[in-house]
Every structure is written in structure tokens, then in C-alpha cells.
């Protein structure tokens, strides 16, 4: 299983897990830990904050464990092999967005 975290702006990171791409906020909602240094669990599709080990589901943004805080904002872009690659217009069925 391959994973990669890349800073794409001051406020967002791109997390890639076996071809699935997720854009999420760059800071943990608990105490602003920098998630680009987090640990991705590819099997659970989650990310763990390096500061206080809060764990979040990368599909929904829901906190799975750790100190109480709000969810992550996430935008799931889908798999690289999907027909709805990035840049396709009118393919809203391929993305799911969760906001605080």
C-alpha cells in the first residue's frame, strides 16, 4: 500500500492512499498540529496527528480517537483509475465533501 502527503497550499494538504486522493485541511482541529507530518493508516483510510495523536477518517473527516475536537474538512477526489479523473466537468458523483 502506498501513501503520500503533500502540502498544496498554506491551508491544505493532499493525501494519496493507493490511488485515492483526498484534500484536507493542513492543521488538526484540536491544537493545530501540522498534518503533513502525520501518519496515514492506509488500511483504515485515516490520518493521525503528530501532536496529540488524534485520528481522523479521511473519507468523512470524523474524529476516530484522541482529544475531543471537531472533524476535519475533507474533499475526496476518488481513485486515479476512475472515469472521473480530476478536471472532468459535471462529474459531481465522484466527489464527496464534508465540512465542519
Protein backbone atom coordinates (compact mmCIF):
# COMPACT_ATOMS: atom_id res chain seq x y z
CA UNK A 1 0.00 0.00 0.00
CA UNK A 2 1.39 3.36 -0.99
CA UNK A 3 0.69 6.62 0.82
CA UNK A 4 1.85 10.17 0.29
CA UNK A 5 1.14 13.51 1.97
CA UNK A 6 1.87 16.72 0.09
CA UNK A 7 1.34 20.35 1.13
CA UNK A 8 -0.63 22.02 -1.68
CA UNK A 9 -1.33 25.38 -0.04
CA UNK A 10 -0.84 27.02 3.33
CA UNK A 11 -4.22 25.68 4.46
CA UNK A 12 -4.49 22.32 2.64
CA UNK A 13 -2.70 19.03 2.12
CA UNK A 14 -3.23 16.31 -0.47
CA UNK A 15 -3.24 12.78 0.94
CA UNK A 16 -2.87 9.93 -1.55
CA UNK A 17 -3.66 6.38 -0.45
CA UNK A 18 -3.39 3.66 -3.10
CA UNK A 19 -4.62 5.98 -5.85
CA UNK A 20 -7.37 7.64 -3.80
CA UNK A 21 -6.76 11.37 -3.41
CA UNK A 22 -8.12 13.42 -0.51
CA UNK A 23 -7.70 17.14 0.07
CA UNK A 24 -7.95 18.12 3.72
CA UNK A 25 -7.00 20.99 5.98
CA UNK A 26 -3.32 21.20 6.86
CA UNK A 27 -3.87 21.71 10.60
CA UNK A 28 -5.52 19.41 13.13
CA UNK A 29 -8.68 20.97 14.58
CA UNK A 30 -7.53 20.08 18.13
CA UNK A 31 -4.33 22.12 18.59
CA UNK A 32 -3.22 22.95 15.05
CA UNK A 33 -0.78 20.05 14.66
CA UNK A 34 0.72 20.01 11.16
CA UNK A 35 -0.93 17.07 9.44
CA UNK A 36 1.65 16.94 6.64
CA UNK A 37 3.84 15.26 9.27
CA UNK A 38 1.02 12.90 10.31
CA UNK A 39 0.89 9.14 9.89
CA UNK A 40 -1.52 7.66 7.36
CA UNK A 41 -3.11 4.28 8.05
CA UNK A 42 -3.91 3.06 4.53
CA UNK A 43 -5.96 0.10 5.71
CA UNK A 44 -8.28 2.28 7.84
CA UNK A 45 -8.03 5.25 5.45
CA UNK A 46 -7.18 7.53 8.37
CA UNK A 47 -4.59 10.10 9.38
CA UNK A 48 -3.04 10.55 12.84
CA UNK A 49 -1.95 13.99 14.03
CA UNK A 50 1.69 14.03 15.15
CA UNK A 51 0.99 16.43 18.02
CA UNK A 52 -1.54 14.63 20.26
CA UNK A 53 -2.35 11.53 18.16
CA UNK A 54 -5.91 12.49 17.22
CA UNK A 55 -7.05 10.14 14.45
CA UNK A 56 -9.43 11.12 11.64
CA UNK A 57 -11.26 9.19 8.92
CA UNK A 58 -10.06 10.54 5.57
CA UNK A 59 -13.36 9.66 3.84
CA UNK A 60 -15.64 11.56 6.24
CA UNK A 61 -13.39 13.78 8.38
CA UNK A 62 -14.86 12.24 11.54
CA UNK A 63 -12.57 12.06 14.60
CA UNK A 64 -11.91 8.40 15.42
CA UNK A 65 -9.80 8.80 18.55
CA UNK A 66 -7.81 11.30 20.56
CA UNK A 67 -8.69 14.54 22.34
CA UNK A 68 -12.15 15.98 21.71
CA UNK A 69 -12.31 18.34 18.74
CA UNK A 70 -14.26 18.97 15.58
CA UNK A 71 -13.94 16.96 12.36
CA UNK A 72 -11.52 17.58 9.50
CA UNK A 73 -12.78 19.23 6.34
CA UNK A 74 -12.22 16.71 3.55
CA UNK A 75 -12.77 16.52 -0.19
CA UNK A 76 -12.43 13.00 -1.62
CA UNK A 77 -11.35 13.20 -5.25
CA UNK A 78 -11.59 9.45 -5.97
CA UNK A 79 -9.27 6.87 -7.48
CA UNK A 80 -6.79 7.57 -10.28
CA UNK A 81 -8.38 4.79 -12.31
CA UNK A 82 -11.92 6.18 -12.05
CA UNK A 83 -13.57 7.53 -15.16
CA UNK A 84 -14.00 10.82 -13.28
CA UNK A 85 -10.37 11.93 -13.15
CA UNK A 86 -9.59 15.38 -11.81
CA UNK A 87 -10.59 18.13 -14.18
CA UNK A 88 -13.70 16.39 -15.61
CA UNK A 89 -16.60 18.79 -15.68
CA UNK A 90 -20.01 17.88 -14.34
CA UNK A 91 -18.84 14.75 -12.54
CA UNK A 92 -20.07 15.63 -9.08
CA UNK A 93 -20.86 11.97 -8.28
CA UNK A 94 -17.14 11.24 -7.95
CA UNK A 95 -16.55 13.62 -5.04
CA UNK A 96 -17.80 13.85 -1.50
CA UNK A 97 -17.24 16.87 0.70
CA UNK A 98 -17.52 17.13 4.46
CA UNK A 99 -17.21 20.46 6.23
CA UNK A 100 -17.23 21.45 9.88
